[in-house]
Amino acid sequence: MQGYYYFVKVAFKGTDTHLDFSNCLNLILGSLGRGSQLVQHLLNSAIIHNIWLIWTERNQRCFNDKHSSMTTLFNNMLAEVKLSYHLVLVKGNSCMQDFKISRLFSIPLHTKRVVDWCPPPYNTIKINCDGSSIGTQPCGAIGIVFRDYRANFLGAFASNIGHASAIEAEFSACMMAIEKARDMLLTQICLETDSLQVFKAYNKNIGVPWKMRSRWLNCLSFCKSINCSFMHTLREGNIVADTLAKNGQGLALYSTQWWPSPPNFILSLLDRDRLGLSISRMT
């Protein structure tokens, strides 16, 4: 076990982690890494690989008269632990201990990011929009949902827009949301999308597909005439519109379906947003 103690002492040196070496069982079942799947996985992996390396090194010395330096064994240990990490999906915590240990093994630190839907300001209508495009000959669809500052459902629609790339579908969703807001005579709206390119196009007027530019400028002109804000969110914060867009893929070509009341397939998602429940996202 001397080799094992050497490895763990070196590995966890400088990580502000106290280890009790009086009993090997304390290392395996102790408090180290409790609450952190990342630390616990790396420690268990280090123990298993270290025992295996000790065994193989012992056999090499006894039967083949070959000796490996401790540095070589240590580097082999790091490589094996890093390889085993990539075979599993382990989440870390946003704490210094996890960060230092991930740096030690040269592995990416996957942390959870909490994403949720936020209601708009008072008397403002929030419009979430999303585009979808699938297939080698891409067929585009869009999904749009309207909610007020109390998260009350005001309406939603999905549409199959025919041949369109992913970015064209995203722009179409945003433009149709603005045009629908104009038809509904809304004067105070908050647009939200998970497309960073559409968000940048709204704020800087760049990256707009050339064949959509005229329609896009008309939409911007309307937005400037009312009280309109534009927000970017991650897909998990736009899950209702995303689900509606996927539903639009099943509609007839160039057809649109409007729902004045919530359809069953988004009821649970609307309730989640209304209750302020978050969705975790791996980063």
C-alpha atoms as a PDB file:
ATOM      1  CA  MET A   1       0.000   0.000   0.000  1.00  0.00           C
ATOM      2  CA  GLN A   2       3.037   2.296   0.177  1.00  0.00           C
ATOM      3  CA  GLY A   3       2.688   3.079  -3.521  1.00  0.00           C
ATOM      4  CA  TYR A   4      -0.980   3.836  -3.047  1.00  0.00           C
ATOM      5  CA  TYR A   5      -0.305   6.237  -0.168  1.00  0.00           C
ATOM      6  CA  TYR A   6       2.379   7.948  -2.235  1.00  0.00           C
ATOM      7  CA  PHE A   7       0.003   8.474  -5.127  1.00  0.00           C
ATOM      8  CA  VAL A   8      -2.868   9.851  -3.072  1.00  0.00           C
ATOM      9  CA  LYS A   9      -0.601  12.170  -1.088  1.00  0.00           C
ATOM     10  CA  VAL A  10       0.874  13.598  -4.292  1.00  0.00           C
ATOM     11  CA  ALA A  11      -2.440  13.684  -6.142  1.00  0.00           C
ATOM     12  CA  PHE A  12      -4.364  15.576  -3.501  1.00  0.00           C
ATOM     13  CA  LYS A  13      -1.536  17.828  -2.362  1.00  0.00           C
ATOM     14  CA  GLY A  14      -2.604  21.449  -2.684  1.00  0.00           C
ATOM     15  CA  THR A  15      -6.318  20.729  -2.991  1.00  0.00           C
ATOM     16  CA  ASP A  16      -7.136  21.822   0.576  1.00  0.00           C
ATOM     17  CA  THR A  17      -8.339  18.260   1.238  1.00  0.00           C
ATOM     18  CA  HIS A  18      -7.455  16.470   4.471  1.00  0.00           C
ATOM     19  CA  LEU A  19      -6.968  12.701   4.172  1.00  0.00           C
ATOM     20  CA  ASP A  20      -6.827  10.232   7.036  1.00  0.00           C
ATOM     21  CA  PHE A  21      -4.148   7.635   6.189  1.00  0.00           C
ATOM     22  CA  SER A  22      -4.563   5.634   9.409  1.00  0.00           C
ATOM     23  CA  ASN A  23      -6.940   3.241   7.683  1.00  0.00           C
ATOM     24  CA  CYS A  24      -7.400   2.594   3.961  1.00  0.00           C
ATOM     25  CA  LEU A  25     -11.116   2.051   4.616  1.00  0.00           C
ATOM     26  CA  ASN A  26     -11.378   5.642   5.781  1.00  0.00           C
ATOM     27  CA  LEU A  27     -10.252   6.767   2.350  1.00  0.00           C
ATOM     28  CA  ILE A  28     -12.829   4.641   0.560  1.00  0.00           C
ATOM     29  CA  LEU A  29     -15.769   5.191   2.904  1.00  0.00           C
ATOM     30  CA  GLY A  30     -14.738   8.499   4.467  1.00  0.00           C
ATOM     31  CA  SER A  31     -16.151  11.960   3.966  1.00  0.00           C
ATOM     32  CA  LEU A  32     -13.888  12.914   1.059  1.00  0.00           C
ATOM     33  CA  GLY A  33     -15.990  13.786  -1.951  1.00  0.00           C
ATOM     34  CA  ARG A  34     -19.281  13.310  -0.138  1.00  0.00           C
ATOM     35  CA  GLY A  35     -21.774  15.414  -2.046  1.00  0.00           C
ATOM     36  CA  SER A  36     -19.526  15.568  -5.106  1.00  0.00           C
ATOM     37  CA  GLN A  37     -19.901  12.828  -7.691  1.00  0.00           C
ATOM     38  CA  LEU A  38     -16.781  14.089  -9.453  1.00  0.00           C
ATOM     39  CA  VAL A  39     -14.438  13.776  -6.461  1.00  0.00           C
ATOM     40  CA  GLN A  40     -15.883  10.432  -5.373  1.00  0.00           C
ATOM     41  CA  HIS A  41     -15.573   8.979  -8.867  1.00  0.00           C
ATOM     42  CA  LEU A  42     -11.973  10.154  -9.277  1.00  0.00           C
ATOM     43  CA  LEU A  43     -10.975   8.831  -5.863  1.00  0.00           C
ATOM     44  CA  ASN A  44     -12.574   5.425  -6.487  1.00  0.00           C
ATOM     45  CA  SER A  45     -10.986   5.285  -9.913  1.00  0.00           C
ATOM     46  CA  ALA A  46      -7.572   6.185  -8.471  1.00  0.00           C
ATOM     47  CA  ILE A  47      -7.851   3.445  -5.832  1.00  0.00           C
ATOM     48  CA  ILE A  48      -8.819   0.755  -8.341  1.00  0.00           C
ATOM     49  CA  HIS A  49      -6.180   1.694 -10.919  1.00  0.00           C
ATOM     50  CA  ASN A  50      -3.498   2.071  -8.280  1.00  0.00           C
ATOM     51  CA  ILE A  51      -4.123  -1.417  -6.920  1.00  0.00           C
ATOM     52  CA  TRP A  52      -3.974  -2.777 -10.461  1.00  0.00           C
ATOM     53  CA  LEU A  53      -0.717  -0.942 -11.213  1.00  0.00           C
ATOM     54  CA  ILE A  54       0.854  -2.203  -8.000  1.00  0.00           C
ATOM     55  CA  TRP A  55      -0.105  -5.754  -8.925  1.00  0.00           C
ATOM     56  CA  THR A  56       1.199  -5.528 -12.506  1.00  0.00           C
ATOM     57  CA  GLU A  57       4.428  -3.810 -11.360  1.00  0.00           C
ATOM     58  CA  ARG A  58       4.982  -6.519  -8.759  1.00  0.00           C
ATOM     59  CA  ASN A  59       4.604  -9.214 -11.441  1.00  0.00           C
ATOM     60  CA  GLN A  60       6.971  -7.396 -13.783  1.00  0.00           C
ATOM     61  CA  ARG A  61       9.627  -7.198 -11.076  1.00  0.00           C
ATOM     62  CA  CYS A  62       9.194 -10.793  -9.886  1.00  0.00           C
ATOM     63  CA  PHE A  63       8.926 -12.590 -13.226  1.00  0.00           C
ATOM     64  CA  ASN A  64      10.467 -10.314 -15.861  1.00  0.00           C
ATOM     65  CA  ASP A  65      13.014  -8.419 -13.775  1.00  0.00           C
ATOM     66  CA  LYS A  66      11.648  -5.124 -15.121  1.00  0.00           C
ATOM     67  CA  HIS A  67      11.351  -1.988 -12.999  1.00  0.00           C
ATOM     68  CA  SER A  68       9.321   1.138 -13.714  1.00  0.00           C
ATOM     69  CA  SER A  69      10.045   4.422 -12.010  1.00  0.00           C
ATOM     70  CA  MET A  70       7.507   5.934  -9.632  1.00  0.00           C
ATOM     71  CA  THR A  71       7.107   8.858 -12.031  1.00  0.00           C
ATOM     72  CA  THR A  72       6.121   6.493 -14.845  1.00  0.00           C
ATOM     73  CA  LEU A  73       3.637   4.707 -12.597  1.00  0.00           C
ATOM     74  CA  PHE A  74       2.211   8.013 -11.458  1.00  0.00           C
ATOM     75  CA  ASN A  75       1.758   9.245 -15.035  1.00  0.00           C
ATOM     76  CA  ASN A  76       0.139   5.933 -16.007  1.00  0.00           C
ATOM     77  CA  MET A  77      -2.236   6.371 -13.090  1.00  0.00           C
ATOM     78  CA  LEU A  78      -3.253   9.845 -14.219  1.00  0.00           C
ATOM     79  CA  ALA A  79      -3.830   8.595 -17.771  1.00  0.00           C
ATOM     80  CA  GLU A  80      -5.989   5.673 -16.611  1.00  0.00           C
ATOM     81  CA  VAL A  81      -8.093   7.840 -14.305  1.00  0.00           C
ATOM     82  CA  LYS A  82      -8.599  10.408 -17.060  1.00  0.00           C
ATOM     83  CA  LEU A  83      -9.638   7.680 -19.504  1.00  0.00           C
ATOM     84  CA  SER A  84     -12.165   6.183 -17.077  1.00  0.00           C
ATOM     85  CA  TYR A  85     -13.648   9.629 -16.459  1.00  0.00           C
ATOM     86  CA  HIS A  86     -14.545  10.015 -20.136  1.00  0.00           C
ATOM     87  CA  LEU A  87     -16.490   6.732 -20.050  1.00  0.00           C
ATOM     88  CA  VAL A  88     -19.051   8.066 -17.586  1.00  0.00           C
ATOM     89  CA  LEU A  89     -21.121  11.239 -17.300  1.00  0.00           C
ATOM     90  CA  VAL A  90     -20.182  12.716 -13.935  1.00  0.00           C
ATOM     91  CA  LYS A  91     -21.310  16.112 -12.755  1.00  0.00           C
ATOM     92  CA  GLY A  92     -19.112  18.287 -10.596  1.00  0.00           C
ATOM     93  CA  ASN A  93     -19.959  21.068  -8.182  1.00  0.00           C
ATOM     94  CA  SER A  94     -19.087  24.715  -8.589  1.00  0.00           C
ATOM     95  CA  CYS A  95     -16.567  24.666  -5.760  1.00  0.00           C
ATOM     96  CA  MET A  96     -12.816  25.102  -5.451  1.00  0.00           C
ATOM     97  CA  GLN A  97     -12.220  21.461  -4.457  1.00  0.00           C
ATOM     98  CA  ASP A  98     -13.778  20.118  -7.646  1.00  0.00           C
ATOM     99  CA  PHE A  99     -11.982  22.716  -9.738  1.00  0.00           C
ATOM    100  CA  LYS A 100      -8.527  21.885  -8.310  1.00  0.00           C
ATOM    101  CA  ILE A 101      -8.986  18.131  -8.630  1.00  0.00           C
ATOM    102  CA  SER A 102     -10.245  18.445 -12.202  1.00  0.00           C
ATOM    103  CA  ARG A 103      -7.153  20.531 -12.998  1.00  0.00           C
ATOM    104  CA  LEU A 104      -4.946  17.861 -11.421  1.00  0.00           C
ATOM    105  CA  PHE A 105      -6.237  15.157 -13.750  1.00  0.00           C
ATOM    106  CA  SER A 106      -6.516  17.549 -16.747  1.00  0.00           C
ATOM    107  CA  ILE A 107     -10.197  16.795 -17.243  1.00  0.00           C
ATOM    108  CA  PRO A 108     -13.046  19.160 -18.118  1.00  0.00           C
ATOM    109  CA  LEU A 109     -15.217  20.127 -15.183  1.00  0.00           C
ATOM    110  CA  HIS A 110     -18.847  19.488 -16.144  1.00  0.00           C
ATOM    111  CA  THR A 111     -21.110  21.489 -13.871  1.00  0.00           C
ATOM    112  CA  LYS A 112     -24.847  21.925 -13.723  1.00  0.00           C
ATOM    113  CA  ARG A 113     -26.295  25.215 -14.853  1.00  0.00           C
ATOM    114  CA  VAL A 114     -29.812  25.941 -13.710  1.00  0.00           C
ATOM    115  CA  VAL A 115     -32.102  27.353 -16.407  1.00  0.00           C
ATOM    116  CA  ASP A 116     -35.670  28.512 -15.926  1.00  0.00           C
ATOM    117  CA  TRP A 117     -38.358  30.586 -17.619  1.00  0.00           C
ATOM    118  CA  CYS A 118     -38.852  34.039 -16.161  1.00  0.00           C
ATOM    119  CA  PRO A 119     -42.152  35.919 -16.438  1.00  0.00           C
ATOM    120  CA  PRO A 120     -42.084  39.364 -18.083  1.00  0.00           C
ATOM    121  CA  PRO A 121     -42.598  42.684 -16.293  1.00  0.00           C
ATOM    122  CA  TYR A 122     -46.049  43.878 -15.289  1.00  0.00           C
ATOM    123  CA  ASN A 123     -48.541  44.283 -18.156  1.00  0.00           C
ATOM    124  CA  THR A 124     -46.042  42.873 -20.659  1.00  0.00           C
ATOM    125  CA  ILE A 125     -46.722  39.918 -22.950  1.00  0.00           C
ATOM    126  CA  LYS A 126     -43.840  37.503 -23.303  1.00  0.00           C
ATOM    127  CA  ILE A 127     -43.514  35.701 -26.628  1.00  0.00           C
ATOM    128  CA  ASN A 128     -41.239  32.665 -26.774  1.00  0.00           C
ATOM    129  CA  CYS A 129     -40.359  31.518 -30.279  1.00  0.00           C
ATOM    130  CA  ASP A 130     -38.283  28.704 -31.702  1.00  0.00           C
ATOM    131  CA  GLY A 131     -37.485  27.161 -35.068  1.00  0.00           C
ATOM    132  CA  SER A 132     -36.818  23.568 -36.050  1.00  0.00           C
ATOM    133  CA  SER A 133     -35.258  22.061 -39.153  1.00  0.00           C
ATOM    134  CA  ILE A 134     -34.672  18.361 -39.803  1.00  0.00           C
ATOM    135  CA  GLY A 135     -33.701  16.101 -42.696  1.00  0.00           C
ATOM    136  CA  THR A 136     -31.109  16.139 -45.450  1.00  0.00           C
ATOM    137  CA  GLN A 137     -33.561  18.208 -47.478  1.00  0.00           C
ATOM    138  CA  PRO A 138     -34.455  20.281 -44.425  1.00  0.00           C
ATOM    139  CA  CYS A 139     -38.088  20.896 -43.616  1.00  0.00           C
ATOM    140  CA  GLY A 140     -38.604  23.834 -41.276  1.00  0.00           C
ATOM    141  CA  ALA A 141     -41.182  24.371 -38.568  1.00  0.00           C
ATOM    142  CA  ILE A 142     -41.768  27.002 -35.928  1.00  0.00           C
ATOM    143  CA  GLY A 143     -43.395  27.206 -32.515  1.00  0.00           C
ATOM    144  CA  ILE A 144     -44.598  30.335 -30.695  1.00  0.00           C
ATOM    145  CA  VAL A 145     -46.305  30.789 -27.323  1.00  0.00           C
ATOM    146  CA  PHE A 146     -47.819  33.923 -25.725  1.00  0.00           C
ATOM    147  CA  ARG A 147     -47.961  34.385 -21.940  1.00  0.00           C
ATOM    148  CA  ASP A 148     -48.569  37.330 -19.622  1.00  0.00           C
ATOM    149  CA  TYR A 149     -46.688  38.489 -16.528  1.00  0.00           C
ATOM    150  CA  ARG A 150     -48.579  35.959 -14.394  1.00  0.00           C
ATOM    151  CA  ALA A 151     -47.547  33.128 -16.741  1.00  0.00           C
ATOM    152  CA  ASN A 152     -51.130  32.799 -17.967  1.00  0.00           C
ATOM    153  CA  PHE A 153     -51.430  31.131 -21.369  1.00  0.00           C
ATOM    154  CA  LEU A 154     -52.742  33.526 -24.035  1.00  0.00           C
ATOM    155  CA  GLY A 155     -52.277  31.418 -27.140  1.00  0.00           C
ATOM    156  CA  ALA A 156     -49.788  29.430 -29.179  1.00  0.00           C
ATOM    157  CA  PHE A 157     -49.285  28.220 -32.688  1.00  0.00           C
ATOM    158  CA  ALA A 158     -47.095  25.910 -34.707  1.00  0.00           C
ATOM    159  CA  SER A 159     -46.445  26.094 -38.415  1.00  0.00           C
ATOM    160  CA  ASN A 160     -44.750  24.021 -41.081  1.00  0.00           C
ATOM    161  CA  ILE A 161     -42.823  26.476 -43.261  1.00  0.00           C
ATOM    162  CA  GLY A 162     -41.452  24.036 -45.836  1.00  0.00           C
ATOM    163  CA  HIS A 163     -37.843  23.959 -46.991  1.00  0.00           C
ATOM    164  CA  ALA A 164     -35.690  25.949 -44.576  1.00  0.00           C
ATOM    165  CA  SER A 165     -32.337  25.682 -42.880  1.00  0.00           C
ATOM    166  CA  ALA A 166     -32.072  25.813 -39.093  1.00  0.00           C
ATOM    167  CA  ILE A 167     -31.181  29.492 -39.017  1.00  0.00           C
ATOM    168  CA  GLU A 168     -33.934  30.352 -41.517  1.00  0.00           C
ATOM    169  CA  ALA A 169     -36.423  28.558 -39.291  1.00  0.00           C
ATOM    170  CA  GLU A 170     -35.217  30.549 -36.268  1.00  0.00           C
ATOM    171  CA  PHE A 171     -35.606  33.866 -38.094  1.00  0.00           C
ATOM    172  CA  SER A 172     -39.013  32.825 -39.449  1.00  0.00           C
ATOM    173  CA  ALA A 173     -40.191  32.007 -35.927  1.00  0.00           C
ATOM    174  CA  CYS A 174     -39.140  35.425 -34.646  1.00  0.00           C
ATOM    175  CA  MET A 175     -40.695  37.301 -37.560  1.00  0.00           C
ATOM    176  CA  MET A 176     -43.978  35.394 -37.331  1.00  0.00           C
ATOM    177  CA  ALA A 177     -44.072  36.119 -33.585  1.00  0.00           C
ATOM    178  CA  ILE A 178     -43.685  39.843 -34.255  1.00  0.00           C
ATOM    179  CA  GLU A 179     -46.284  39.782 -37.041  1.00  0.00           C
ATOM    180  CA  LYS A 180     -48.728  37.912 -34.817  1.00  0.00           C
ATOM    181  CA  ALA A 181     -48.174  40.466 -32.053  1.00  0.00           C
ATOM    182  CA  ARG A 182     -48.998  43.211 -34.569  1.00  0.00           C
ATOM    183  CA  ASP A 183     -52.202  41.418 -35.600  1.00  0.00           C
ATOM    184  CA  MET A 184     -53.168  41.075 -31.919  1.00  0.00           C
ATOM    185  CA  LEU A 185     -52.580  44.842 -31.450  1.00  0.00           C
ATOM    186  CA  LEU A 186     -50.035  44.248 -28.707  1.00  0.00           C
ATOM    187  CA  THR A 187     -48.045  47.314 -27.691  1.00  0.00           C
ATOM    188  CA  GLN A 188     -45.870  45.979 -24.863  1.00  0.00           C
ATOM    189  CA  ILE A 189     -44.058  42.731 -25.629  1.00  0.00           C
ATOM    190  CA  CYS A 190     -40.949  40.821 -24.666  1.00  0.00           C
ATOM    191  CA  LEU A 191     -39.519  38.475 -27.295  1.00  0.00           C
ATOM    192  CA  GLU A 192     -37.378  35.526 -26.211  1.00  0.00           C
ATOM    193  CA  THR A 193     -35.438  33.050 -28.338  1.00  0.00           C
ATOM    194  CA  ASP A 194     -32.679  30.498 -27.867  1.00  0.00           C
ATOM    195  CA  SER A 195     -31.002  31.528 -31.122  1.00  0.00           C
ATOM    196  CA  LEU A 196     -27.965  33.687 -30.438  1.00  0.00           C
ATOM    197  CA  GLN A 197     -27.756  34.719 -34.100  1.00  0.00           C
ATOM    198  CA  VAL A 198     -31.333  36.042 -34.110  1.00  0.00           C
ATOM    199  CA  PHE A 199     -30.645  37.860 -30.848  1.00  0.00           C
ATOM    200  CA  LYS A 200     -27.565  39.528 -32.355  1.00  0.00           C
ATOM    201  CA  ALA A 201     -29.475  40.380 -35.526  1.00  0.00           C
ATOM    202  CA  TYR A 202     -32.138  42.184 -33.505  1.00  0.00           C
ATOM    203  CA  ASN A 203     -29.621  44.245 -31.541  1.00  0.00           C
ATOM    204  CA  LYS A 204     -26.986  44.861 -34.236  1.00  0.00           C
ATOM    205  CA  ASN A 205     -28.882  44.068 -37.460  1.00  0.00           C
ATOM    206  CA  ILE A 206     -26.219  41.599 -38.648  1.00  0.00           C
ATOM    207  CA  GLY A 207     -26.350  38.013 -39.846  1.00  0.00           C
ATOM    208  CA  VAL A 208     -29.810  38.186 -41.397  1.00  0.00           C
ATOM    209  CA  PRO A 209     -30.327  35.791 -44.373  1.00  0.00           C
ATOM    210  CA  TRP A 210     -30.443  37.961 -47.476  1.00  0.00           C
ATOM    211  CA  LYS A 211     -33.812  36.667 -48.712  1.00  0.00           C
ATOM    212  CA  MET A 212     -35.419  37.535 -45.369  1.00  0.00           C
ATOM    213  CA  ARG A 213     -33.873  40.963 -44.944  1.00  0.00           C
ATOM    214  CA  SER A 214     -36.793  43.048 -46.248  1.00  0.00           C
ATOM    215  CA  ARG A 215     -39.315  41.229 -44.056  1.00  0.00           C
ATOM    216  CA  TRP A 216     -36.930  41.435 -41.101  1.00  0.00           C
ATOM    217  CA  LEU A 217     -36.567  45.228 -41.455  1.00  0.00           C
ATOM    218  CA  ASN A 218     -40.363  45.595 -41.482  1.00  0.00           C
ATOM    219  CA  CYS A 219     -40.542  43.613 -38.258  1.00  0.00           C
ATOM    220  CA  LEU A 220     -37.848  45.784 -36.666  1.00  0.00           C
ATOM    221  CA  SER A 221     -39.752  48.888 -37.712  1.00  0.00           C
ATOM    222  CA  PHE A 222     -42.853  47.640 -35.902  1.00  0.00           C
ATOM    223  CA  CYS A 223     -40.841  46.760 -32.791  1.00  0.00           C
ATOM    224  CA  LYS A 224     -39.448  50.289 -32.649  1.00  0.00           C
ATOM    225  CA  SER A 225     -42.976  51.711 -32.778  1.00  0.00           C
ATOM    226  CA  ILE A 226     -44.023  49.877 -29.596  1.00  0.00           C
ATOM    227  CA  ASN A 227     -42.489  48.979 -26.258  1.00  0.00           C
ATOM    228  CA  CYS A 228     -40.510  45.874 -27.258  1.00  0.00           C
ATOM    229  CA  SER A 229     -37.591  44.108 -25.605  1.00  0.00           C
ATOM    230  CA  PHE A 230     -35.619  41.122 -26.858  1.00  0.00           C
ATOM    231  CA  MET A 231     -34.021  38.411 -24.693  1.00  0.00           C
ATOM    232  CA  HIS A 232     -31.847  35.377 -25.272  1.00  0.00           C
ATOM    233  CA  THR A 233     -32.215  32.173 -23.280  1.00  0.00           C
ATOM    234  CA  LEU A 234     -30.933  28.623 -23.438  1.00  0.00           C
ATOM    235  CA  ARG A 235     -33.023  25.867 -24.992  1.00  0.00           C
ATOM    236  CA  GLU A 236     -34.120  24.627 -21.563  1.00  0.00           C
ATOM    237  CA  GLY A 237     -35.635  28.056 -20.868  1.00  0.00           C
ATOM    238  CA  ASN A 238     -37.459  27.950 -24.192  1.00  0.00           C
ATOM    239  CA  ILE A 239     -38.761  24.412 -23.882  1.00  0.00           C
ATOM    240  CA  VAL A 240     -42.443  25.209 -24.607  1.00  0.00           C
ATOM    241  CA  ALA A 241     -41.695  26.913 -27.929  1.00  0.00           C
ATOM    242  CA  ASP A 242     -39.200  24.161 -28.744  1.00  0.00           C
ATOM    243  CA  THR A 243     -41.889  21.506 -28.219  1.00  0.00           C
ATOM    244  CA  LEU A 244     -44.365  23.439 -30.350  1.00  0.00           C
ATOM    245  CA  ALA A 245     -41.794  23.700 -33.155  1.00  0.00           C
ATOM    246  CA  LYS A 246     -41.241  19.950 -33.084  1.00  0.00           C
ATOM    247  CA  ASN A 247     -45.014  19.466 -33.248  1.00  0.00           C
ATOM    248  CA  GLY A 248     -45.051  21.690 -36.333  1.00  0.00           C
ATOM    249  CA  GLN A 249     -42.886  19.134 -38.121  1.00  0.00           C
ATOM    250  CA  GLY A 250     -45.902  16.814 -38.125  1.00  0.00           C
ATOM    251  CA  LEU A 251     -48.252  19.326 -39.728  1.00  0.00           C
ATOM    252  CA  ALA A 252     -49.111  19.400 -43.419  1.00  0.00           C
ATOM    253  CA  LEU A 253     -46.752  21.411 -45.603  1.00  0.00           C
ATOM    254  CA  TYR A 254     -47.221  25.183 -45.168  1.00  0.00           C
ATOM    255  CA  SER A 255     -50.049  24.685 -42.681  1.00  0.00           C
ATOM    256  CA  THR A 256     -50.485  26.443 -39.339  1.00  0.00           C
ATOM    257  CA  GLN A 257     -52.349  25.439 -36.191  1.00  0.00           C
ATOM    258  CA  TRP A 258     -53.454  27.939 -33.541  1.00  0.00           C
ATOM    259  CA  TRP A 259     -54.359  26.975 -29.976  1.00  0.00           C
ATOM    260  CA  PRO A 260     -56.451  29.479 -27.968  1.00  0.00           C
ATOM    261  CA  SER A 261     -56.157  27.117 -24.985  1.00  0.00           C
ATOM    262  CA  PRO A 262     -53.152  24.987 -24.053  1.00  0.00           C
ATOM    263  CA  PRO A 263     -52.817  21.689 -25.974  1.00  0.00           C
ATOM    264  CA  ASN A 264     -52.235  18.611 -23.848  1.00  0.00           C
ATOM    265  CA  PHE A 265     -48.662  17.997 -25.015  1.00  0.00           C
ATOM    266  CA  ILE A 266     -47.356  21.238 -23.425  1.00  0.00           C
ATOM    267  CA  LEU A 267     -49.508  21.340 -20.267  1.00  0.00           C
ATOM    268  CA  SER A 268     -46.806  19.903 -18.002  1.00  0.00           C
ATOM    269  CA  LEU A 269     -44.206  22.287 -19.459  1.00  0.00           C
ATOM    270  CA  LEU A 270     -46.439  25.299 -18.896  1.00  0.00           C
ATOM    271  CA  ASP A 271     -47.016  24.208 -15.296  1.00  0.00           C
ATOM    272  CA  ARG A 272     -43.272  23.840 -14.786  1.00  0.00           C
ATOM    273  CA  ASP A 273     -42.664  27.379 -16.029  1.00  0.00           C
ATOM    274  CA  ARG A 274     -45.560  28.769 -13.986  1.00  0.00           C
ATOM    275  CA  LEU A 275     -44.199  27.203 -10.797  1.00  0.00           C
ATOM    276  CA  GLY A 276     -40.700  28.493 -11.529  1.00  0.00           C
ATOM    277  CA  LEU A 277     -39.159  25.014 -11.641  1.00  0.00           C
ATOM    278  CA  SER A 278     -35.671  24.909 -13.110  1.00  0.00           C
ATOM    279  CA  ILE A 279     -34.081  22.532 -15.604  1.00  0.00           C
ATOM    280  CA  SER A 280     -30.461  21.522 -15.166  1.00  0.00           C
ATOM    281  CA  ARG A 281     -28.103  21.895 -18.085  1.00  0.00           C
ATOM    282  CA  MET A 282     -24.653  20.307 -18.333  1.00  0.00           C
ATOM    283  CA  THR A 283     -21.930  22.805 -19.218  1.00  0.00           C
END
